[in-house]
């Protein structure tokens, strides 16, 4: 009986420590963009956990982008659609609340460029491209670097545009 009790306590406190470590992490845009550019579900889930525990301003837009990125990695079509829709609502809401947020326009642009035609999420490509070009110089170095990296594989936005 004592062994079972000790094992239960060990599992309880071990899980609490892991959860506490996630809560102690602060939102880091470098880690966010690393997760967005990866095809690693664990990295994306970790960033979603960090965001949900953080008090980052406008975190809804970041969560939305991560959910849509995650949608491209899951296997079941129903889950893909559910994640994509949830992410779309969060990102679009964030953009409605802050229309001049160049970073969120970039996130939407990157998702739109690679979204499958069936989800009909390509309406704002040109608008977002112009917002990115116009506001690029005012962005933080981390976001500028993420955009520059993105242009290497983009068919619509090039480094010369910036």
N, C-alpha and C. Protein backbone atom coordinates (compact mmCIF):
# COMPACT_ATOMS: atom_id res chain seq x y z
N UNK A 1 0.81 -1.19 0.00
CA UNK A 1 0.00 0.00 0.00
C UNK A 1 0.86 1.26 0.00
N UNK A 2 1.95 1.24 0.78
CA UNK A 2 2.84 2.39 0.84
C UNK A 2 3.50 2.65 -0.50
N UNK A 3 3.82 1.60 -1.20
CA UNK A 3 4.47 1.74 -2.51
C UNK A 3 3.51 2.43 -3.49
N UNK A 4 2.27 2.04 -3.47
CA UNK A 4 1.28 2.66 -4.36
C UNK A 4 1.11 4.14 -4.03
N UNK A 5 1.09 4.45 -2.75
CA UNK A 5 0.94 5.83 -2.31
C UNK A 5 2.15 6.66 -2.75
N UNK A 6 3.34 6.10 -2.58
CA UNK A 6 4.56 6.81 -2.97
C UNK A 6 4.58 7.04 -4.49
N UNK A 7 4.20 6.02 -5.25
CA UNK A 7 4.17 6.13 -6.71
C UNK A 7 3.17 7.19 -7.15
N UNK A 8 2.01 7.20 -6.51
CA UNK A 8 0.99 8.20 -6.85
C UNK A 8 1.49 9.62 -6.56
N UNK A 9 2.14 9.81 -5.41
CA UNK A 9 2.68 11.12 -5.07
C UNK A 9 3.79 11.54 -6.03
N UNK A 10 4.64 10.59 -6.38
CA UNK A 10 5.72 10.87 -7.32
C UNK A 10 5.16 11.33 -8.67
N UNK A 11 4.16 10.61 -9.16
CA UNK A 11 3.55 10.98 -10.43
C UNK A 11 2.85 12.33 -10.34
N UNK A 12 2.18 12.57 -9.22
CA UNK A 12 1.47 13.84 -9.05
C UNK A 12 2.43 15.02 -9.04
N UNK A 13 3.48 14.92 -8.24
CA UNK A 13 4.42 16.03 -8.15
C UNK A 13 5.31 16.15 -9.37
N UNK A 14 5.62 15.05 -10.03
CA UNK A 14 6.42 15.09 -11.26
C UNK A 14 5.67 15.81 -12.36
N UNK A 15 4.38 15.52 -12.52
CA UNK A 15 3.55 16.18 -13.52
C UNK A 15 3.36 17.65 -13.22
N UNK A 16 3.28 17.99 -11.93
CA UNK A 16 3.13 19.39 -11.53
C UNK A 16 4.37 20.18 -11.90
N UNK A 17 5.53 19.58 -11.74
CA UNK A 17 6.78 20.28 -12.06
C UNK A 17 6.85 20.59 -13.55
N UNK A 18 6.50 19.62 -14.38
CA UNK A 18 6.52 19.84 -15.83
C UNK A 18 5.56 20.96 -16.20
N UNK A 19 4.35 20.92 -15.64
CA UNK A 19 3.36 21.96 -15.94
C UNK A 19 3.84 23.32 -15.43
N UNK A 20 4.46 23.34 -14.28
CA UNK A 20 4.97 24.60 -13.74
C UNK A 20 6.07 25.17 -14.62
N UNK A 21 6.91 24.31 -15.19
CA UNK A 21 7.96 24.79 -16.10
C UNK A 21 7.37 25.45 -17.32
N UNK A 22 6.31 24.90 -17.85
CA UNK A 22 5.66 25.49 -19.02
C UNK A 22 5.06 26.84 -18.64
N UNK A 23 4.45 26.91 -17.45
CA UNK A 23 3.83 28.17 -17.03
C UNK A 23 4.86 29.26 -16.79
N UNK A 24 6.07 28.85 -16.37
CA UNK A 24 7.10 29.84 -16.09
C UNK A 24 7.73 30.41 -17.36
N UNK A 25 7.60 29.71 -18.46
CA UNK A 25 8.19 30.19 -19.70
C UNK A 25 7.41 31.40 -20.19
N UNK A 26 8.14 32.34 -20.75
CA UNK A 26 7.50 33.52 -21.32
C UNK A 26 7.41 33.33 -22.83
N UNK A 27 6.46 34.03 -23.42
CA UNK A 27 6.30 33.98 -24.87
C UNK A 27 7.53 34.59 -25.52
N UNK A 28 8.12 33.84 -26.42
CA UNK A 28 9.32 34.27 -27.13
C UNK A 28 9.03 34.16 -28.63
N UNK A 29 9.11 35.29 -29.32
CA UNK A 29 8.79 35.29 -30.75
C UNK A 29 9.73 34.41 -31.56
N UNK A 30 10.98 34.30 -31.15
CA UNK A 30 11.91 33.43 -31.87
C UNK A 30 11.44 31.98 -31.80
N UNK A 31 11.03 31.55 -30.61
CA UNK A 31 10.53 30.18 -30.45
C UNK A 31 9.21 30.00 -31.22
N UNK A 32 8.38 31.03 -31.21
CA UNK A 32 7.12 30.98 -31.94
C UNK A 32 7.37 30.75 -33.44
N UNK A 33 8.27 31.56 -34.01
CA UNK A 33 8.54 31.43 -35.45
C UNK A 33 9.27 30.13 -35.79
N UNK A 34 10.07 29.63 -34.86
CA UNK A 34 10.71 28.33 -35.07
C UNK A 34 9.64 27.24 -35.13
N UNK A 35 8.65 27.32 -34.25
CA UNK A 35 7.56 26.34 -34.26
C UNK A 35 6.72 26.48 -35.52
N UNK A 36 6.46 27.72 -35.93
CA UNK A 36 5.66 27.92 -37.15
C UNK A 36 6.34 27.36 -38.39
N UNK A 37 7.65 27.46 -38.45
CA UNK A 37 8.35 26.99 -39.64
C UNK A 37 8.67 25.50 -39.59
N UNK A 38 8.49 24.90 -38.44
CA UNK A 38 8.78 23.47 -38.32
C UNK A 38 7.55 22.65 -38.71
N UNK A 39 7.78 21.40 -38.87
CA UNK A 39 6.68 20.47 -39.08
C UNK A 39 6.61 19.54 -37.87
N UNK A 40 6.87 20.11 -36.70
CA UNK A 40 6.95 19.33 -35.48
C UNK A 40 5.75 19.65 -34.59
N UNK A 41 4.88 18.67 -34.44
CA UNK A 41 3.67 18.84 -33.65
C UNK A 41 3.99 19.16 -32.19
N UNK A 42 5.04 18.54 -31.64
CA UNK A 42 5.40 18.80 -30.24
C UNK A 42 5.81 20.25 -30.03
N UNK A 43 6.56 20.81 -30.95
CA UNK A 43 6.97 22.23 -30.83
C UNK A 43 5.75 23.15 -30.89
N UNK A 44 4.85 22.85 -31.79
CA UNK A 44 3.64 23.67 -31.93
C UNK A 44 2.79 23.58 -30.67
N UNK A 45 2.61 22.36 -30.16
CA UNK A 45 1.83 22.20 -28.93
C UNK A 45 2.49 22.89 -27.75
N UNK A 46 3.80 22.84 -27.68
CA UNK A 46 4.52 23.52 -26.60
C UNK A 46 4.28 25.02 -26.68
N UNK A 47 4.37 25.59 -27.88
CA UNK A 47 4.13 27.03 -28.03
C UNK A 47 2.68 27.40 -27.71
N UNK A 48 1.74 26.53 -28.06
CA UNK A 48 0.34 26.78 -27.70
C UNK A 48 0.17 26.79 -26.18
N UNK A 49 0.85 25.88 -25.49
CA UNK A 49 0.81 25.85 -24.02
C UNK A 49 1.41 27.12 -23.43
N UNK A 50 2.54 27.53 -23.97
CA UNK A 50 3.19 28.75 -23.48
C UNK A 50 2.26 29.95 -23.69
N UNK A 51 1.65 30.03 -24.85
CA UNK A 51 0.74 31.15 -25.14
C UNK A 51 -0.47 31.14 -24.24
N UNK A 52 -1.05 29.97 -24.02
CA UNK A 52 -2.26 29.93 -23.19
C UNK A 52 -1.96 30.35 -21.76
N UNK A 53 -0.74 30.13 -21.30
CA UNK A 53 -0.37 30.51 -19.93
C UNK A 53 0.18 31.93 -19.84
N UNK A 54 0.45 32.55 -20.96
CA UNK A 54 1.08 33.88 -20.93
C UNK A 54 0.03 34.98 -20.94
N UNK A 55 0.50 36.16 -20.61
CA UNK A 55 -0.37 37.33 -20.66
C UNK A 55 0.01 38.23 -21.83
N UNK A 56 0.59 37.64 -22.84
CA UNK A 56 1.03 38.37 -24.02
C UNK A 56 -0.15 39.09 -24.67
N UNK A 57 0.09 40.33 -25.00
CA UNK A 57 -0.93 41.11 -25.67
C UNK A 57 -1.18 40.51 -27.05
N UNK A 58 -2.41 40.47 -27.46
CA UNK A 58 -2.80 39.96 -28.78
C UNK A 58 -2.44 38.49 -28.99
N UNK A 59 -2.41 37.71 -27.92
CA UNK A 59 -2.01 36.31 -28.06
C UNK A 59 -2.97 35.52 -28.93
N UNK A 60 -4.18 36.02 -29.09
CA UNK A 60 -5.17 35.34 -29.91
C UNK A 60 -4.69 35.16 -31.35
N UNK A 61 -4.02 36.14 -31.89
CA UNK A 61 -3.51 36.04 -33.26
C UNK A 61 -2.44 34.98 -33.39
N UNK A 62 -1.55 34.91 -32.40
CA UNK A 62 -0.49 33.90 -32.42
C UNK A 62 -1.08 32.50 -32.26
N UNK A 63 -2.04 32.36 -31.36
CA UNK A 63 -2.69 31.07 -31.18
C UNK A 63 -3.39 30.62 -32.46
N UNK A 64 -4.07 31.56 -33.10
CA UNK A 64 -4.76 31.23 -34.34
C UNK A 64 -3.81 30.74 -35.41
N UNK A 65 -2.69 31.41 -35.57
CA UNK A 65 -1.70 31.00 -36.56
C UNK A 65 -1.16 29.60 -36.25
N UNK A 66 -0.87 29.34 -34.97
CA UNK A 66 -0.36 28.02 -34.59
C UNK A 66 -1.40 26.93 -34.81
N UNK A 67 -2.66 27.23 -34.52
CA UNK A 67 -3.71 26.23 -34.75
C UNK A 67 -3.84 25.89 -36.24
N UNK A 68 -3.76 26.91 -37.08
CA UNK A 68 -3.85 26.65 -38.52
C UNK A 68 -2.63 25.88 -39.02
N UNK A 69 -1.47 26.18 -38.46
CA UNK A 69 -0.25 25.43 -38.82
C UNK A 69 -0.39 23.98 -38.37
N UNK A 70 -0.92 23.80 -37.18
CA UNK A 70 -1.14 22.45 -36.64
C UNK A 70 -2.12 21.66 -37.51
N UNK A 71 -3.11 22.36 -38.05
CA UNK A 71 -4.10 21.71 -38.91
C UNK A 71 -3.45 21.03 -40.11
N UNK A 72 -2.37 21.60 -40.59
CA UNK A 72 -1.66 21.00 -41.72
C UNK A 72 -0.86 19.76 -41.35
N UNK A 73 -0.74 19.47 -40.07
CA UNK A 73 0.08 18.34 -39.63
C UNK A 73 -0.72 17.14 -39.14
N UNK A 74 -1.99 17.36 -38.80
CA UNK A 74 -2.80 16.25 -38.31
C UNK A 74 -3.27 15.39 -39.46
N UNK A 75 -3.61 14.14 -39.15
CA UNK A 75 -3.94 13.18 -40.21
C UNK A 75 -5.43 13.18 -40.58
N UNK A 76 -6.31 13.28 -39.60
CA UNK A 76 -7.74 13.16 -39.87
C UNK A 76 -8.32 14.43 -40.47
N UNK A 77 -9.01 14.33 -41.60
CA UNK A 77 -9.58 15.51 -42.26
C UNK A 77 -10.53 16.31 -41.37
N UNK A 78 -11.33 15.64 -40.57
CA UNK A 78 -12.27 16.36 -39.70
C UNK A 78 -11.51 17.19 -38.67
N UNK A 79 -10.43 16.66 -38.13
CA UNK A 79 -9.63 17.39 -37.16
C UNK A 79 -8.89 18.56 -37.83
N UNK A 80 -8.42 18.32 -39.07
CA UNK A 80 -7.76 19.39 -39.83
C UNK A 80 -8.70 20.58 -39.98
N UNK A 81 -9.91 20.31 -40.39
CA UNK A 81 -10.89 21.37 -40.62
C UNK A 81 -11.26 22.07 -39.32
N UNK A 82 -11.44 21.31 -38.25
CA UNK A 82 -11.79 21.89 -36.95
C UNK A 82 -10.68 22.82 -36.46
N UNK A 83 -9.43 22.38 -36.52
CA UNK A 83 -8.30 23.21 -36.09
C UNK A 83 -8.16 24.45 -36.97
N UNK A 84 -8.30 24.27 -38.28
CA UNK A 84 -8.15 25.39 -39.19
C UNK A 84 -9.22 26.45 -38.93
N UNK A 85 -10.45 26.02 -38.76
CA UNK A 85 -11.53 26.98 -38.50
C UNK A 85 -11.32 27.72 -37.19
N UNK A 86 -10.93 26.99 -36.14
CA UNK A 86 -10.69 27.63 -34.84
C UNK A 86 -9.55 28.64 -34.95
N UNK A 87 -8.50 28.27 -35.64
CA UNK A 87 -7.37 29.17 -35.82
C UNK A 87 -7.73 30.39 -36.66
N UNK A 88 -8.51 30.15 -37.68
CA UNK A 88 -8.94 31.24 -38.57
C UNK A 88 -9.74 32.28 -37.80
N UNK A 89 -10.65 31.81 -36.95
CA UNK A 89 -11.47 32.72 -36.16
C UNK A 89 -10.59 33.56 -35.24
N UNK A 90 -9.63 32.92 -34.59
CA UNK A 90 -8.74 33.65 -33.66
C UNK A 90 -7.89 34.68 -34.40
N UNK A 91 -7.29 34.29 -35.51
CA UNK A 91 -6.43 35.21 -36.25
C UNK A 91 -7.23 36.36 -36.85
N UNK A 92 -8.37 36.04 -37.43
CA UNK A 92 -9.20 37.10 -38.03
C UNK A 92 -9.73 38.05 -36.97
N UNK A 93 -10.07 37.53 -35.79
CA UNK A 93 -10.52 38.39 -34.69
C UNK A 93 -9.40 39.32 -34.25
N UNK A 94 -8.20 38.77 -34.15
CA UNK A 94 -7.04 39.59 -33.77
C UNK A 94 -6.81 40.70 -34.80
N UNK A 95 -6.98 40.38 -36.07
CA UNK A 95 -6.81 41.39 -37.11
C UNK A 95 -7.93 42.43 -37.09
N UNK A 96 -9.13 42.01 -36.76
CA UNK A 96 -10.23 42.98 -36.63
C UNK A 96 -9.97 43.95 -35.48
N UNK A 97 -9.39 43.44 -34.40
CA UNK A 97 -9.09 44.27 -33.23
C UNK A 97 -7.87 45.17 -33.44
N UNK A 98 -7.00 44.79 -34.36
CA UNK A 98 -5.78 45.57 -34.60
C UNK A 98 -5.44 45.49 -36.10
N UNK A 99 -6.16 46.26 -36.89
CA UNK A 99 -6.03 46.21 -38.36
C UNK A 99 -4.63 46.59 -38.85
N UNK A 100 -3.89 47.35 -38.05
CA UNK A 100 -2.57 47.82 -38.48
C UNK A 100 -1.43 46.92 -38.01
N UNK A 101 -1.74 45.76 -37.46
CA UNK A 101 -0.71 44.85 -36.96
C UNK A 101 -0.06 44.13 -38.14
N UNK A 102 1.09 44.60 -38.54
CA UNK A 102 1.80 44.07 -39.72
C UNK A 102 2.18 42.60 -39.50
N UNK A 103 2.55 42.27 -38.28
CA UNK A 103 2.94 40.89 -37.99
C UNK A 103 1.79 39.92 -38.22
N UNK A 104 0.58 40.28 -37.80
CA UNK A 104 -0.56 39.41 -38.02
C UNK A 104 -0.93 39.34 -39.50
N UNK A 105 -0.72 40.41 -40.23
CA UNK A 105 -0.93 40.36 -41.69
C UNK A 105 0.07 39.38 -42.31
N UNK A 106 1.31 39.39 -41.80
CA UNK A 106 2.30 38.44 -42.30
C UNK A 106 1.89 37.00 -41.99
N UNK A 107 1.43 36.76 -40.77
CA UNK A 107 1.01 35.40 -40.42
C UNK A 107 -0.14 34.93 -41.30
N UNK A 108 -1.11 35.82 -41.51
CA UNK A 108 -2.23 35.44 -42.38
C UNK A 108 -1.75 35.21 -43.80
N UNK A 109 -0.85 36.07 -44.28
CA UNK A 109 -0.30 35.92 -45.63
C UNK A 109 0.37 34.56 -45.79
N UNK A 110 1.21 34.19 -44.82
CA UNK A 110 1.94 32.92 -44.90
C UNK A 110 0.98 31.73 -44.91
N UNK A 111 -0.08 31.82 -44.13
CA UNK A 111 -1.05 30.74 -44.08
C UNK A 111 -1.87 30.70 -45.37
N UNK A 112 -2.29 31.87 -45.83
CA UNK A 112 -3.08 31.94 -47.06
C UNK A 112 -2.31 31.37 -48.25
N UNK A 113 -1.04 31.69 -48.33
CA UNK A 113 -0.26 31.24 -49.49
C UNK A 113 -0.21 29.71 -49.57
N UNK A 114 -0.26 29.05 -48.43
CA UNK A 114 -0.13 27.60 -48.42
C UNK A 114 -1.42 26.86 -48.09
N UNK A 115 -2.50 27.58 -47.87
CA UNK A 115 -3.77 26.95 -47.54
C UNK A 115 -4.33 26.22 -48.76
N UNK A 116 -4.91 25.05 -48.54
CA UNK A 116 -5.53 24.33 -49.67
C UNK A 116 -6.74 25.10 -50.20
N UNK A 117 -7.00 24.97 -51.48
CA UNK A 117 -8.09 25.71 -52.12
C UNK A 117 -9.44 25.43 -51.46
N UNK A 118 -9.61 24.23 -50.95
CA UNK A 118 -10.90 23.84 -50.39
C UNK A 118 -11.33 24.71 -49.21
N UNK A 119 -10.39 25.28 -48.48
CA UNK A 119 -10.77 26.12 -47.32
C UNK A 119 -11.06 27.56 -47.72
N UNK A 120 -10.81 27.90 -48.96
CA UNK A 120 -11.12 29.23 -49.50
C UNK A 120 -10.58 30.34 -48.60
N UNK A 121 -9.27 30.27 -48.39
CA UNK A 121 -8.62 31.25 -47.51
C UNK A 121 -7.46 31.89 -48.26
N UNK A 122 -7.78 32.64 -49.30
CA UNK A 122 -6.76 33.29 -50.10
C UNK A 122 -7.16 34.71 -50.51
N UNK A 123 -8.23 35.22 -49.94
CA UNK A 123 -8.81 36.49 -50.39
C UNK A 123 -7.94 37.70 -50.10
N UNK A 124 -7.09 37.63 -49.09
CA UNK A 124 -6.36 38.82 -48.67
C UNK A 124 -4.87 38.77 -49.00
N UNK A 125 -4.46 37.91 -49.88
CA UNK A 125 -3.03 37.77 -50.20
C UNK A 125 -2.40 39.09 -50.64
N UNK A 126 -3.00 39.75 -51.58
CA UNK A 126 -2.40 40.98 -52.11
C UNK A 126 -2.44 42.12 -51.10
N UNK A 127 -3.53 42.24 -50.37
CA UNK A 127 -3.63 43.27 -49.33
C UNK A 127 -2.56 43.05 -48.27
N UNK A 128 -2.44 41.81 -47.82
CA UNK A 128 -1.44 41.49 -46.79
C UNK A 128 -0.03 41.74 -47.29
N UNK A 129 0.22 41.39 -48.53
CA UNK A 129 1.55 41.63 -49.11
C UNK A 129 1.90 43.11 -49.06
N UNK A 130 0.96 43.96 -49.44
CA UNK A 130 1.22 45.41 -49.44
C UNK A 130 1.43 45.94 -48.02
N UNK A 131 0.67 45.42 -47.05
CA UNK A 131 0.83 45.85 -45.66
C UNK A 131 2.21 45.43 -45.15
N UNK A 132 2.63 44.24 -45.50
CA UNK A 132 3.95 43.74 -45.08
C UNK A 132 5.06 44.61 -45.67
N UNK A 133 4.97 44.89 -46.95
CA UNK A 133 5.99 45.70 -47.63
C UNK A 133 6.06 47.09 -47.00
N UNK A 134 4.91 47.68 -46.76
CA UNK A 134 4.85 49.03 -46.20
C UNK A 134 5.37 49.10 -44.76
N UNK A 135 5.08 48.08 -43.95
CA UNK A 135 5.42 48.14 -42.54
C UNK A 135 6.65 47.35 -42.12
N UNK A 136 7.32 46.72 -43.08
CA UNK A 136 8.45 45.84 -42.76
C UNK A 136 9.53 46.53 -41.93
N UNK A 137 9.90 47.72 -42.30
CA UNK A 137 11.01 48.42 -41.64
C UNK A 137 10.71 48.78 -40.18
N UNK A 138 9.44 48.81 -39.80
CA UNK A 138 9.06 49.17 -38.44
C UNK A 138 8.90 47.96 -37.51
N UNK A 139 9.12 46.76 -38.04
CA UNK A 139 8.96 45.55 -37.25
C UNK A 139 10.21 45.26 -36.42
N UNK A 140 10.04 44.43 -35.41
CA UNK A 140 11.19 44.03 -34.59
C UNK A 140 12.13 43.17 -35.42
N UNK A 141 13.40 43.13 -35.06
CA UNK A 141 14.37 42.32 -35.82
C UNK A 141 13.97 40.84 -35.91
N UNK A 142 13.36 40.31 -34.87
CA UNK A 142 12.94 38.90 -34.89
C UNK A 142 11.91 38.66 -35.98
N UNK A 143 10.94 39.55 -36.07
CA UNK A 143 9.88 39.40 -37.09
C UNK A 143 10.44 39.66 -38.48
N UNK A 144 11.31 40.66 -38.61
CA UNK A 144 11.96 40.91 -39.90
C UNK A 144 12.72 39.67 -40.37
N UNK A 145 13.43 39.04 -39.46
CA UNK A 145 14.19 37.84 -39.80
C UNK A 145 13.25 36.71 -40.24
N UNK A 146 12.13 36.55 -39.54
CA UNK A 146 11.15 35.53 -39.90
C UNK A 146 10.58 35.79 -41.30
N UNK A 147 10.32 37.05 -41.62
CA UNK A 147 9.79 37.39 -42.94
C UNK A 147 10.85 37.13 -44.01
N UNK A 148 12.08 37.52 -43.73
CA UNK A 148 13.17 37.28 -44.70
C UNK A 148 13.33 35.79 -44.96
N UNK A 149 13.28 34.99 -43.90
CA UNK A 149 13.37 33.53 -44.07
C UNK A 149 12.21 33.02 -44.91
N UNK A 150 11.02 33.57 -44.68
CA UNK A 150 9.84 33.14 -45.41
C UNK A 150 9.96 33.46 -46.91
N UNK A 151 10.56 34.59 -47.24
CA UNK A 151 10.65 34.99 -48.65
C UNK A 151 11.48 34.01 -49.47
N UNK A 152 12.34 33.25 -48.83
CA UNK A 152 13.19 32.29 -49.55
C UNK A 152 12.37 31.21 -50.24
N UNK A 153 11.17 30.91 -49.70
CA UNK A 153 10.33 29.85 -50.27
C UNK A 153 8.99 30.35 -50.78
N UNK A 154 8.76 31.65 -50.70
CA UNK A 154 7.49 32.21 -51.13
C UNK A 154 7.48 32.42 -52.63
N UNK A 155 6.33 32.18 -53.23
CA UNK A 155 6.17 32.43 -54.66
C UNK A 155 5.58 33.82 -54.91
N UNK A 156 5.14 34.50 -53.85
CA UNK A 156 4.45 35.78 -53.99
C UNK A 156 5.25 36.94 -53.41
N UNK A 157 5.94 36.71 -52.30
CA UNK A 157 6.70 37.76 -51.62
C UNK A 157 8.18 37.47 -51.74
N UNK A 158 8.92 38.43 -52.24
CA UNK A 158 10.38 38.22 -52.38
C UNK A 158 11.13 39.23 -51.52
N UNK A 159 12.38 38.93 -51.26
CA UNK A 159 13.22 39.81 -50.46
C UNK A 159 13.37 41.17 -51.12
N UNK A 160 13.33 41.22 -52.44
CA UNK A 160 13.46 42.49 -53.17
C UNK A 160 12.25 43.39 -52.93
N UNK A 161 11.10 42.80 -52.61
CA UNK A 161 9.90 43.59 -52.33
C UNK A 161 10.06 44.43 -51.06
N UNK A 162 10.93 43.95 -50.18
CA UNK A 162 11.07 44.60 -48.88
C UNK A 162 12.13 45.65 -48.92
